[in-house]
N, C-alpha and C. Protein backbone atom coordinates (compact mmCIF):
# COMPACT_ATOMS: atom_id res chain seq x y z
N MET A 1 -7.39 11.45 16.23
CA MET A 1 -6.09 11.26 15.54
C MET A 1 -5.33 10.32 16.42
N LYS A 2 -4.57 9.40 15.73
CA LYS A 2 -3.40 8.64 16.55
C LYS A 2 -2.32 8.79 16.04
N PHE A 3 -1.39 8.22 16.80
CA PHE A 3 -0.05 8.29 16.32
C PHE A 3 0.07 6.93 17.03
N ARG A 4 1.59 6.75 15.87
CA ARG A 4 2.35 5.11 16.35
C ARG A 4 3.69 5.47 16.03
N ARG A 5 4.21 4.79 17.58
CA ARG A 5 5.69 4.63 17.91
C ARG A 5 6.05 3.68 16.88
N LYS A 6 7.41 3.98 16.87
CA LYS A 6 8.12 2.76 16.12
C LYS A 6 7.68 1.55 16.45
N ALA A 7 7.75 0.48 15.61
CA ALA A 7 7.68 -0.78 16.77
C ALA A 7 6.51 -0.88 17.37
N GLU A 8 5.49 -0.26 17.41
CA GLU A 8 4.52 -0.47 18.48
C GLU A 8 3.35 -0.26 17.85
N PRO A 9 2.22 -0.70 18.70
CA PRO A 9 0.84 -0.36 18.02
C PRO A 9 0.65 1.01 18.12
N THR A 10 -0.47 1.19 17.65
CA THR A 10 -0.95 2.33 17.31
C THR A 10 -1.81 3.04 18.63
N GLN A 11 -1.29 4.42 18.85
CA GLN A 11 -1.52 4.87 20.28
C GLN A 11 -2.60 6.09 20.02
N ALA A 12 -3.37 6.41 20.80
CA ALA A 12 -4.45 7.18 20.24
C ALA A 12 -4.40 8.55 21.57
N THR A 13 -5.49 9.40 21.23
CA THR A 13 -5.72 10.13 22.20
C THR A 13 -6.71 10.04 22.39
N ASP A 14 -7.49 10.59 23.90
CA ASP A 14 -8.41 10.55 24.72
C ASP A 14 -9.32 11.37 23.75
N GLY A 15 -10.69 11.05 24.01
CA GLY A 15 -11.54 11.77 23.33
C GLY A 15 -11.88 11.68 22.11
N PRO A 16 -13.13 12.25 21.63
CA PRO A 16 -13.48 12.38 20.20
C PRO A 16 -12.13 12.93 19.10
N ASP A 17 -12.20 12.14 17.94
CA ASP A 17 -11.04 12.34 16.63
C ASP A 17 -11.35 13.62 16.36
N PRO A 18 -10.73 14.74 16.03
CA PRO A 18 -10.82 15.95 15.39
C PRO A 18 -10.90 16.03 14.15
N VAL A 19 -10.31 14.67 13.08
CA VAL A 19 -10.15 14.43 11.84
C VAL A 19 -11.78 13.99 11.60
N ALA A 20 -12.13 12.76 12.31
CA ALA A 20 -13.31 12.33 11.82
C ALA A 20 -14.84 12.91 12.15
N ASP A 21 -15.06 13.59 12.92
CA ASP A 21 -15.64 14.06 13.72
C ASP A 21 -15.98 15.34 13.19
N ALA A 22 -14.91 16.00 12.04
CA ALA A 22 -15.29 17.42 11.87
C ALA A 22 -16.11 17.65 10.67
N PRO A 23 -16.42 18.37 10.31
CA PRO A 23 -17.02 19.01 8.98
C PRO A 23 -16.50 19.12 7.92
N ALA A 24 -17.48 18.72 6.49
CA ALA A 24 -16.53 18.49 5.60
C ALA A 24 -16.10 19.21 4.85
N ALA A 25 -14.68 19.15 4.59
CA ALA A 25 -13.75 20.29 4.11
C ALA A 25 -13.97 20.65 2.68
N ALA A 26 -13.99 22.19 2.40
CA ALA A 26 -14.73 22.31 1.10
C ALA A 26 -13.79 22.04 -0.02
N PRO A 27 -13.61 21.39 -1.21
CA PRO A 27 -12.72 21.20 -1.75
C PRO A 27 -12.27 22.29 -2.52
N THR A 28 -11.12 22.48 -2.95
CA THR A 28 -10.42 23.29 -3.66
C THR A 28 -9.43 23.27 -4.41
N GLY A 29 -9.32 23.46 -5.29
CA GLY A 29 -8.23 23.77 -6.60
C GLY A 29 -7.17 24.27 -6.90
N THR A 30 -6.98 25.22 -5.89
CA THR A 30 -6.12 26.08 -5.32
C THR A 30 -4.55 25.74 -4.56
N GLY A 31 -4.96 24.80 -3.59
CA GLY A 31 -3.87 24.70 -3.02
C GLY A 31 -2.86 23.39 -3.40
N PRO A 32 -2.08 23.05 -2.31
CA PRO A 32 -1.67 23.07 -1.24
C PRO A 32 -1.17 24.94 -0.64
N PHE A 33 -1.53 25.45 0.19
CA PHE A 33 -1.06 26.69 0.95
C PHE A 33 0.24 26.73 1.57
N ASP A 34 0.63 28.04 1.26
CA ASP A 34 1.50 29.01 1.82
C ASP A 34 0.72 29.11 3.47
N GLU A 35 1.45 28.90 4.54
CA GLU A 35 0.59 29.82 5.64
C GLU A 35 0.26 31.06 5.55
N SER A 36 1.17 31.69 4.68
CA SER A 36 0.35 33.30 4.63
C SER A 36 -0.61 33.62 3.92
N GLU A 37 -0.97 32.54 3.16
CA GLU A 37 -1.98 32.53 2.40
C GLU A 37 -3.49 32.39 3.52
N VAL A 38 -3.23 31.85 4.40
CA VAL A 38 -4.69 31.42 4.95
C VAL A 38 -4.39 32.17 6.33
N ALA A 39 -3.66 32.60 6.56
CA ALA A 39 -3.32 33.64 7.64
C ALA A 39 -5.04 34.04 8.00
N GLY A 40 -5.65 34.05 9.48
CA GLY A 40 -7.19 34.47 9.58
C GLY A 40 -8.36 34.21 8.90
N ASP A 41 -7.82 32.61 8.19
CA ASP A 41 -9.37 32.75 7.71
C ASP A 41 -10.55 31.66 8.70
N GLY A 42 -9.64 31.37 9.89
CA GLY A 42 -10.64 30.79 10.93
C GLY A 42 -10.92 29.25 10.46
N VAL A 43 -10.18 28.73 9.68
CA VAL A 43 -10.71 27.19 9.80
C VAL A 43 -9.98 26.47 10.48
N GLU A 44 -10.19 25.56 11.02
CA GLU A 44 -9.68 24.87 12.22
C GLU A 44 -8.89 23.85 11.75
N ARG A 45 -7.22 23.62 12.00
CA ARG A 45 -6.61 22.78 11.53
C ARG A 45 -5.78 22.24 12.58
N VAL A 46 -5.10 21.33 12.24
CA VAL A 46 -4.36 20.64 13.55
C VAL A 46 -2.93 20.95 13.16
N ASP A 47 -2.39 21.81 14.04
CA ASP A 47 -0.71 22.35 14.10
C ASP A 47 -0.02 21.33 14.40
N LEU A 48 0.81 20.53 13.42
CA LEU A 48 1.86 19.77 13.31
C LEU A 48 3.50 20.36 13.15
N GLY A 49 3.44 21.55 13.49
CA GLY A 49 4.48 22.48 13.32
C GLY A 49 4.75 23.32 12.03
N SER A 50 5.52 22.27 11.07
CA SER A 50 5.57 22.68 9.34
C SER A 50 4.29 22.63 8.94
N LEU A 51 3.33 21.43 9.32
CA LEU A 51 2.37 21.10 8.48
C LEU A 51 1.12 21.58 9.52
N LEU A 52 0.07 22.29 8.90
CA LEU A 52 -1.15 22.32 9.47
C LEU A 52 -2.46 21.68 8.69
N VAL A 53 -2.62 20.75 9.07
CA VAL A 53 -3.54 19.79 8.57
C VAL A 53 -5.05 19.66 9.01
N ARG A 54 -5.94 20.58 7.41
CA ARG A 54 -7.13 20.24 7.97
C ARG A 54 -8.06 18.95 8.30
N PRO A 55 -8.94 19.13 9.30
CA PRO A 55 -9.73 17.80 9.75
C PRO A 55 -10.76 17.18 8.01
N THR A 56 -10.59 15.93 8.10
CA THR A 56 -10.89 15.63 6.82
C THR A 56 -12.37 14.59 7.46
N PRO A 57 -13.30 14.40 7.04
CA PRO A 57 -14.27 13.35 7.56
C PRO A 57 -13.94 11.90 6.78
N GLY A 58 -13.99 11.03 7.24
CA GLY A 58 -13.97 9.72 7.14
C GLY A 58 -12.43 9.59 6.94
N ARG A 59 -11.72 10.28 7.43
CA ARG A 59 -9.77 9.92 7.40
C ARG A 59 -9.32 10.50 8.68
N GLU A 60 -9.00 9.20 8.92
CA GLU A 60 -7.83 9.45 10.42
C GLU A 60 -6.70 10.06 10.23
N LEU A 61 -6.22 10.84 11.05
CA LEU A 61 -4.56 11.43 10.94
C LEU A 61 -4.10 10.61 11.70
N ARG A 62 -2.64 10.12 11.24
CA ARG A 62 -2.24 9.34 11.92
C ARG A 62 -0.44 10.00 11.87
N LEU A 63 0.07 9.88 12.63
CA LEU A 63 1.32 10.25 12.92
C LEU A 63 2.57 9.01 13.50
N GLN A 64 3.43 8.34 12.88
CA GLN A 64 4.61 7.89 13.01
C GLN A 64 5.57 8.29 13.79
N VAL A 65 5.68 8.05 15.11
CA VAL A 65 6.58 8.57 15.87
C VAL A 65 8.05 7.75 16.40
N ASP A 66 9.08 8.14 15.86
CA ASP A 66 10.22 7.22 16.40
C ASP A 66 10.56 6.71 18.17
N GLU A 67 10.37 6.44 18.68
CA GLU A 67 10.42 6.05 20.15
C GLU A 67 11.82 6.96 20.97
N PRO A 68 12.71 6.63 20.63
CA PRO A 68 13.79 7.35 21.02
C PRO A 68 14.11 8.70 20.84
N THR A 69 13.78 9.08 19.82
CA THR A 69 14.15 10.48 19.50
C THR A 69 13.00 11.46 19.90
N GLY A 70 11.58 10.79 19.43
CA GLY A 70 10.29 11.62 19.82
C GLY A 70 10.23 12.31 18.04
N THR A 71 10.90 12.06 17.14
CA THR A 71 10.53 12.93 15.92
C THR A 71 9.47 12.01 14.85
N VAL A 72 8.33 12.75 14.34
CA VAL A 72 7.48 12.69 13.69
C VAL A 72 8.23 12.13 12.36
N GLN A 73 7.92 10.85 11.93
CA GLN A 73 8.87 10.27 10.64
C GLN A 73 7.66 10.21 9.17
N ALA A 74 6.36 10.28 9.93
CA ALA A 74 5.90 10.38 8.93
C ALA A 74 4.07 10.67 9.50
N VAL A 75 3.68 11.24 8.41
CA VAL A 75 2.09 12.39 8.52
C VAL A 75 1.55 11.67 7.64
N MET A 76 0.08 10.65 7.58
CA MET A 76 -0.76 10.21 6.93
C MET A 76 -2.08 10.64 7.42
N LEU A 77 -3.19 10.72 6.03
CA LEU A 77 -4.30 10.68 6.42
C LEU A 77 -5.22 9.31 5.98
N ALA A 78 -5.59 8.43 6.68
CA ALA A 78 -5.84 6.90 6.33
C ALA A 78 -7.31 7.19 6.05
N GLY A 79 -8.11 6.18 5.26
CA GLY A 79 -9.24 5.85 5.32
C GLY A 79 -9.33 4.75 4.69
N PRO A 80 -11.13 3.91 4.64
CA PRO A 80 -11.09 2.62 4.21
C PRO A 80 -10.62 2.21 2.86
N ASP A 81 -10.50 3.24 2.13
CA ASP A 81 -10.08 2.52 0.59
C ASP A 81 -8.70 3.08 0.03
N GLY A 82 -7.57 3.75 0.87
CA GLY A 82 -6.47 4.21 0.79
C GLY A 82 -5.78 5.46 1.63
N ALA A 83 -4.77 5.86 1.33
CA ALA A 83 -4.27 6.95 2.50
C ALA A 83 -3.28 8.01 1.44
N LEU A 84 -3.17 9.14 1.69
CA LEU A 84 -2.32 10.13 1.76
C LEU A 84 -1.33 10.24 2.59
N GLU A 85 -0.19 10.27 2.26
CA GLU A 85 0.97 10.61 2.95
C GLU A 85 1.88 11.77 2.60
N PHE A 86 2.21 12.42 3.56
CA PHE A 86 2.60 13.67 2.78
C PHE A 86 3.84 14.07 3.81
N GLN A 87 5.03 15.23 3.40
CA GLN A 87 5.79 15.85 4.13
C GLN A 87 6.08 16.72 3.36
N ALA A 88 6.69 18.18 4.30
CA ALA A 88 7.23 19.24 3.68
C ALA A 88 9.14 19.29 3.63
N PHE A 89 9.55 19.61 2.38
CA PHE A 89 10.91 20.00 2.37
C PHE A 89 11.43 21.51 2.00
N ALA A 90 12.42 22.34 2.77
CA ALA A 90 13.11 23.23 2.33
C ALA A 90 13.43 23.47 0.48
N ALA A 91 13.11 24.43 0.20
CA ALA A 91 13.47 24.60 -1.66
C ALA A 91 13.94 25.97 -1.73
N PRO A 92 14.14 25.90 -2.88
CA PRO A 92 14.85 27.88 -3.12
C PRO A 92 13.68 28.44 -3.01
N ARG A 93 13.89 29.78 -2.96
CA ARG A 93 12.61 30.90 -3.19
C ARG A 93 12.24 30.72 -4.45
N HIS A 94 12.79 30.73 -5.40
CA HIS A 94 12.45 30.64 -6.94
C HIS A 94 12.96 29.90 -7.83
N GLY A 95 12.37 28.55 -7.27
CA GLY A 95 13.07 27.26 -8.35
C GLY A 95 11.64 26.19 -8.23
N ASP A 96 12.08 24.92 -9.25
CA ASP A 96 11.24 24.04 -9.63
C ASP A 96 11.91 22.52 -8.65
N LEU A 97 11.82 22.86 -7.37
CA LEU A 97 12.53 21.16 -6.64
C LEU A 97 11.69 20.35 -7.22
N TRP A 98 10.71 20.11 -7.19
CA TRP A 98 10.23 19.00 -7.63
C TRP A 98 10.48 18.21 -9.45
N SER A 99 10.89 19.40 -9.94
CA SER A 99 11.50 19.04 -11.17
C SER A 99 12.81 17.95 -11.24
N THR A 100 13.26 18.76 -10.29
CA THR A 100 14.68 17.96 -9.66
C THR A 100 15.17 17.06 -9.16
N VAL A 101 14.02 16.68 -8.01
CA VAL A 101 13.83 15.43 -7.69
C VAL A 101 13.31 14.40 -8.28
N ARG A 102 12.35 15.05 -8.93
CA ARG A 102 11.48 13.24 -9.59
C ARG A 102 12.24 12.42 -9.83
N PRO A 103 13.23 12.86 -11.22
CA PRO A 103 13.87 11.87 -11.78
C PRO A 103 14.66 11.05 -10.69
N GLN A 104 15.16 11.44 -9.77
CA GLN A 104 15.80 10.90 -8.66
C GLN A 104 15.07 9.94 -7.99
N ILE A 105 13.72 10.16 -7.36
CA ILE A 105 12.88 9.38 -7.22
C ILE A 105 12.67 7.83 -8.09
N ALA A 106 12.21 8.49 -8.97
CA ALA A 106 12.08 7.39 -10.67
C ALA A 106 13.31 6.49 -10.75
N ALA A 107 14.25 7.17 -10.25
CA ALA A 107 15.59 6.06 -10.56
C ALA A 107 15.89 5.30 -9.62
N ASP A 108 15.62 5.86 -8.33
CA ASP A 108 15.45 4.95 -6.79
C ASP A 108 14.48 3.85 -7.08
N ILE A 109 13.55 4.00 -7.34
CA ILE A 109 12.26 2.94 -7.47
C ILE A 109 12.57 1.97 -8.55
N ALA A 110 13.48 2.30 -9.43
CA ALA A 110 14.06 1.99 -10.67
C ALA A 110 15.23 0.68 -10.43
N ALA A 111 15.78 1.08 -9.59
CA ALA A 111 16.75 0.67 -8.75
C ALA A 111 16.19 -0.92 -7.88
N ARG A 112 15.27 -0.48 -7.17
CA ARG A 112 14.71 -1.71 -6.39
C ARG A 112 13.70 -2.22 -7.03
N GLY A 113 13.80 -2.35 -8.18
CA GLY A 113 12.90 -3.17 -8.95
C GLY A 113 11.97 -2.99 -9.26
N GLY A 114 11.21 -1.79 -9.15
CA GLY A 114 10.22 -1.11 -9.42
C GLY A 114 9.85 -0.31 -10.72
N THR A 115 8.96 0.13 -10.72
CA THR A 115 8.57 1.18 -12.52
C THR A 115 8.07 2.34 -11.76
N ALA A 116 8.30 3.52 -12.43
CA ALA A 116 7.52 4.89 -12.19
C ALA A 116 7.54 5.80 -13.63
N THR A 117 6.42 5.72 -13.72
CA THR A 117 5.94 6.73 -14.93
C THR A 117 5.19 7.98 -14.85
N GLU A 118 5.65 9.18 -15.53
CA GLU A 118 4.99 10.29 -15.65
C GLU A 118 3.65 10.25 -15.88
N ARG A 119 3.05 11.26 -15.57
CA ARG A 119 1.48 11.40 -16.22
C ARG A 119 0.89 12.96 -15.60
N GLU A 120 0.35 13.47 -16.03
CA GLU A 120 -0.02 14.88 -15.80
C GLU A 120 -1.60 15.18 -15.06
N GLY A 121 -1.32 15.63 -13.96
CA GLY A 121 -2.58 15.22 -13.07
C GLY A 121 -2.89 16.71 -13.04
N ARG A 122 -3.73 16.88 -11.23
CA ARG A 122 -4.42 18.00 -10.55
C ARG A 122 -3.37 19.13 -10.19
N PHE A 123 -2.20 18.48 -10.11
CA PHE A 123 -1.05 19.42 -9.60
C PHE A 123 0.34 18.92 -10.16
N GLY A 124 0.25 19.11 -11.46
CA GLY A 124 0.90 19.25 -12.42
C GLY A 124 1.50 17.69 -12.49
N THR A 125 2.67 17.49 -13.02
CA THR A 125 3.37 16.23 -13.34
C THR A 125 3.79 15.33 -12.03
N GLU A 126 3.24 13.43 -11.84
CA GLU A 126 3.17 13.15 -10.98
C GLU A 126 3.58 11.82 -11.58
N LEU A 127 4.55 10.96 -10.21
CA LEU A 127 4.71 9.72 -10.68
C LEU A 127 3.87 8.56 -10.19
N VAL A 128 3.18 7.65 -11.14
CA VAL A 128 2.83 6.34 -10.99
C VAL A 128 3.79 5.67 -10.81
N CYS A 129 3.68 4.82 -9.85
CA CYS A 129 4.83 3.72 -9.28
C CYS A 129 4.31 2.62 -8.83
N GLN A 130 4.91 1.38 -9.36
CA GLN A 130 4.69 -0.03 -8.64
C GLN A 130 6.14 -0.51 -7.97
N VAL A 131 6.03 -0.80 -6.83
CA VAL A 131 7.10 -0.95 -6.11
C VAL A 131 7.21 -2.47 -5.53
N PRO A 132 8.24 -3.26 -5.56
CA PRO A 132 8.11 -4.37 -4.86
C PRO A 132 8.43 -4.69 -3.42
N VAL A 133 7.29 -4.77 -2.56
CA VAL A 133 7.69 -5.53 -1.15
C VAL A 133 7.28 -6.72 -0.49
N GLN A 134 7.78 -6.51 0.52
CA GLN A 134 7.28 -7.87 0.81
C GLN A 134 6.58 -8.15 2.13
N ARG A 135 5.31 -9.05 2.25
CA ARG A 135 4.44 -8.90 2.94
C ARG A 135 4.91 -9.57 4.39
N PRO A 136 4.56 -9.28 5.71
CA PRO A 136 4.48 -9.59 6.85
C PRO A 136 4.57 -11.12 6.83
N ASP A 137 4.19 -12.14 5.41
CA ASP A 137 4.37 -13.45 5.88
C ASP A 137 5.56 -14.12 4.90
N GLY A 138 6.29 -12.89 4.49
CA GLY A 138 7.58 -13.59 3.75
C GLY A 138 7.29 -13.49 2.30
N THR A 139 6.29 -13.14 1.69
CA THR A 139 6.00 -13.44 0.13
C THR A 139 5.65 -12.10 -0.09
N GLN A 140 6.40 -11.94 -1.86
CA GLN A 140 6.53 -11.20 -2.35
C GLN A 140 5.28 -10.38 -2.78
N ALA A 141 4.91 -8.94 -2.94
CA ALA A 141 3.71 -8.50 -3.56
C ALA A 141 4.35 -6.84 -4.17
N THR A 142 3.64 -5.93 -5.00
CA THR A 142 3.62 -4.75 -5.50
C THR A 142 2.68 -3.79 -4.72
N GLN A 143 3.03 -2.94 -4.67
CA GLN A 143 2.54 -1.86 -3.90
C GLN A 143 2.03 -0.83 -5.08
N PRO A 144 1.40 -0.28 -5.28
CA PRO A 144 1.02 0.76 -6.71
C PRO A 144 0.98 2.38 -5.15
N SER A 145 1.62 3.44 -6.15
CA SER A 145 1.30 4.70 -5.57
C SER A 145 1.43 5.68 -6.78
N ARG A 146 1.28 7.03 -6.16
CA ARG A 146 1.15 8.08 -6.94
C ARG A 146 2.07 9.11 -6.27
N ILE A 147 2.62 9.49 -6.93
CA ILE A 147 3.63 10.47 -5.92
C ILE A 147 3.51 11.83 -6.78
N ILE A 148 3.27 12.92 -5.58
CA ILE A 148 2.77 14.16 -6.25
C ILE A 148 3.85 15.24 -5.63
N GLY A 149 4.31 16.30 -6.32
CA GLY A 149 5.16 17.00 -5.58
C GLY A 149 4.38 18.71 -5.90
N VAL A 150 4.44 19.26 -5.07
CA VAL A 150 3.88 20.87 -5.26
C VAL A 150 5.13 21.92 -4.64
N ASN A 151 5.19 22.66 -5.56
CA ASN A 151 6.64 23.69 -5.03
C ASN A 151 5.54 24.57 -4.71
N GLY A 152 6.22 25.70 -3.40
CA GLY A 152 5.57 26.53 -2.53
C GLY A 152 6.85 27.71 -2.59
N ASP A 153 6.61 28.71 -1.34
CA ASP A 153 7.08 29.59 -1.35
C ASP A 153 8.79 29.42 -0.16
N ARG A 154 9.46 28.67 -0.63
CA ARG A 154 10.83 28.18 -0.26
C ARG A 154 10.48 26.78 0.76
N TRP A 155 9.51 26.47 -0.05
CA TRP A 155 9.01 24.73 0.21
C TRP A 155 8.76 23.86 -0.82
N MET A 156 8.48 22.74 -0.66
CA MET A 156 8.12 21.80 -1.58
C MET A 156 7.32 20.56 -0.90
N LEU A 157 6.17 20.00 -0.83
CA LEU A 157 5.38 19.49 -0.57
C LEU A 157 5.27 18.43 -1.66
N ARG A 158 6.05 16.94 -0.88
CA ARG A 158 5.64 15.95 -1.46
C ARG A 158 4.65 14.83 -0.76
N ALA A 159 3.83 14.49 -1.58
CA ALA A 159 2.72 13.48 -1.11
C ALA A 159 2.50 12.21 -2.06
N SER A 160 2.24 11.00 -1.21
CA SER A 160 2.27 9.72 -1.72
C SER A 160 0.65 8.88 -1.46
N LEU A 161 -0.25 9.13 -2.84
CA LEU A 161 -1.19 8.38 -2.52
C LEU A 161 -1.03 7.06 -2.53
N LEU A 162 -2.09 6.08 -1.70
CA LEU A 162 -1.85 4.76 -2.14
C LEU A 162 -3.28 3.97 -1.89
N GLY A 163 -3.29 2.81 -2.28
CA GLY A 163 -4.78 2.03 -2.29
C GLY A 163 -5.43 2.68 -3.79
N ARG A 164 -6.63 2.72 -3.25
CA ARG A 164 -7.84 3.01 -4.33
C ARG A 164 -7.03 4.09 -5.42
N PRO A 165 -6.90 5.33 -4.45
CA PRO A 165 -6.49 6.57 -4.92
C PRO A 165 -5.30 6.42 -5.98
N ALA A 166 -4.04 5.62 -5.84
CA ALA A 166 -2.98 5.34 -6.82
C ALA A 166 -3.65 4.42 -7.92
N LEU A 167 -4.74 3.85 -7.60
CA LEU A 167 -4.98 2.41 -8.89
C LEU A 167 -5.54 3.12 -9.61
N GLU A 168 -6.75 4.18 -9.25
CA GLU A 168 -8.11 4.91 -10.02
C GLU A 168 -8.13 6.41 -9.74
N PRO A 169 -6.58 6.89 -10.59
CA PRO A 169 -6.56 8.47 -10.37
C PRO A 169 -7.77 9.23 -11.00
N ASP A 170 -8.64 8.80 -11.73
CA ASP A 170 -9.53 9.44 -12.09
C ASP A 170 -11.16 9.53 -11.31
N GLY A 171 -10.69 9.05 -10.33
CA GLY A 171 -11.73 8.50 -9.40
C GLY A 171 -11.15 8.94 -7.90
N SER A 172 -9.95 9.51 -8.01
CA SER A 172 -9.45 10.20 -6.58
C SER A 172 -9.84 11.84 -6.29
N GLY A 173 -10.44 12.33 -6.62
CA GLY A 173 -11.02 13.51 -6.45
C GLY A 173 -11.17 13.88 -5.00
N GLU A 174 -11.89 13.58 -4.09
CA GLU A 174 -11.72 13.35 -2.69
C GLU A 174 -10.53 13.44 -1.79
N TRP A 175 -9.72 12.59 -2.37
CA TRP A 175 -8.41 12.64 -1.60
C TRP A 175 -7.20 13.56 -2.40
N GLU A 176 -7.72 14.02 -3.51
CA GLU A 176 -6.74 15.29 -3.76
C GLU A 176 -7.22 16.40 -3.27
N ASP A 177 -8.29 16.65 -2.96
CA ASP A 177 -9.10 17.19 -1.91
C ASP A 177 -8.34 17.64 -0.94
N ALA A 178 -8.55 16.82 -0.12
CA ALA A 178 -7.22 16.61 1.05
C ALA A 178 -6.30 16.94 1.18
N LEU A 179 -5.58 16.92 0.04
CA LEU A 179 -4.19 17.17 -0.56
C LEU A 179 -3.90 18.68 -0.50
N ALA A 180 -5.10 19.27 -1.28
CA ALA A 180 -4.98 20.59 -1.38
C ALA A 180 -5.46 21.12 -0.28
N GLN A 181 -5.90 20.95 0.86
CA GLN A 181 -6.41 21.32 1.94
C GLN A 181 -5.27 21.74 2.97
N VAL A 182 -3.74 21.11 2.84
CA VAL A 182 -2.82 21.02 3.29
C VAL A 182 -2.09 22.58 3.57
N VAL A 183 -1.71 22.81 4.72
CA VAL A 183 -1.08 24.26 4.60
C VAL A 183 0.52 24.16 5.27
N VAL A 184 1.54 24.61 4.45
CA VAL A 184 2.84 24.38 5.11
C VAL A 184 3.31 25.68 5.72
N ARG A 185 4.12 25.62 6.55
CA ARG A 185 4.33 26.57 7.31
C ARG A 185 6.23 26.65 7.73
N ARG A 186 6.82 27.50 6.69
CA ARG A 186 8.14 27.27 6.20
C ARG A 186 8.89 27.77 7.14
N GLY A 187 8.57 28.69 8.03
CA GLY A 187 9.50 29.45 9.14
C GLY A 187 10.59 30.32 8.58
N THR A 188 11.38 30.91 9.17
CA THR A 188 12.26 32.07 8.85
C THR A 188 13.80 31.22 8.87
N THR A 189 13.97 30.22 9.64
CA THR A 189 15.30 29.80 9.94
C THR A 189 15.85 29.06 8.17
N ALA A 190 17.24 29.30 7.85
CA ALA A 190 17.94 29.06 6.87
C ALA A 190 17.99 27.55 6.97
N MET A 191 17.81 26.88 5.88
CA MET A 191 18.03 25.32 6.04
C MET A 191 18.25 24.86 4.18
N PRO A 192 19.09 23.65 4.41
CA PRO A 192 20.02 23.42 3.28
C PRO A 192 18.76 22.65 2.31
N VAL A 193 18.66 22.94 0.97
CA VAL A 193 17.37 23.03 0.22
C VAL A 193 17.27 20.95 0.33
N GLY A 194 16.20 20.72 0.33
CA GLY A 194 15.87 19.58 0.47
C GLY A 194 15.57 18.93 1.17
N GLU A 195 15.58 19.31 2.63
CA GLU A 195 15.99 18.69 4.28
C GLU A 195 14.65 18.83 4.67
N PRO A 196 14.01 18.15 5.19
CA PRO A 196 12.74 18.20 5.60
C PRO A 196 12.23 19.14 6.70
N LEU A 197 11.23 19.72 6.54
CA LEU A 197 10.85 20.66 7.41
C LEU A 197 10.64 19.86 8.73
N PRO A 198 10.70 20.41 10.05
CA PRO A 198 10.41 19.61 11.50
C PRO A 198 8.84 20.03 11.50
N VAL A 199 8.50 18.00 11.71
CA VAL A 199 7.12 18.09 12.22
C VAL A 199 7.22 17.68 13.71
N VAL A 200 5.96 18.52 14.70
CA VAL A 200 5.92 17.94 15.61
C VAL A 200 4.47 17.52 16.24
N LEU A 201 4.73 17.14 17.21
CA LEU A 201 3.14 16.34 17.76
C LEU A 201 2.58 17.32 18.34
N PRO A 202 1.02 17.35 18.18
CA PRO A 202 0.20 18.58 18.51
C PRO A 202 0.42 18.04 20.02
N GLU A 203 -0.33 19.39 21.23
CA GLU A 203 0.18 19.52 22.50
C GLU A 203 -1.04 18.61 23.12
N GLN A 204 -2.33 18.10 22.32
CA GLN A 204 -2.92 17.17 22.70
C GLN A 204 -3.00 15.43 22.85
N ALA A 205 -1.84 15.48 21.53
CA ALA A 205 -1.57 14.21 21.72
C ALA A 205 -0.62 13.37 22.84
N ARG A 206 -1.08 12.48 23.27
CA ARG A 206 -0.22 11.81 24.17
C ARG A 206 -0.46 10.11 24.51
N ARG A 207 0.62 9.75 24.75
CA ARG A 207 0.58 8.14 24.81
C ARG A 207 -0.35 7.47 25.65
N VAL A 208 -1.52 6.44 25.34
CA VAL A 208 -2.30 6.17 26.17
C VAL A 208 -1.65 4.50 26.25
N ASN A 209 -1.86 4.43 27.76
CA ASN A 209 -0.91 3.09 28.33
C ASN A 209 -2.09 1.99 28.08
């Protein structure tokens, strides 16, 4: 596992990578899961507070950390052909937060000069996006992505697929399997709807000088 501090090179923990060296995760069509659904199943997961991530062979777990605050800003599984970035948010107990925020996301992308169209996928309605970005050398490019939302018990999980799984949805089954293995720990604290659930660095993660 690696974690990146804001505006610094990637930092890594000592020892073997628990994601790259783990056994293959069994595909599932029923996740992502609430913590209550997997209690006592014996599966090894990386504990990030509100997110429990099952190691996936060939994909590296990366965390982007804000240096001044120590806040985890992004959680990502990265592989040679793409990446999966995800975050959980507080949601109503009985509601469809994804249907509410999906048009807001599409409108924001349009305001930035991009496009977002809906398609039906494994997890329901998702957005296929093309967003203009600026390369490090100053030239312009377009970044493709697929944004997926999953409603849970008082939480919503938002995920973005980048790279090949964004360009080839029909061939992204293994990436979708990885998303389906994510577990959300909502907790009992009252939170405003739409507020990100806190993500924390695991105990074994430390900066390597």
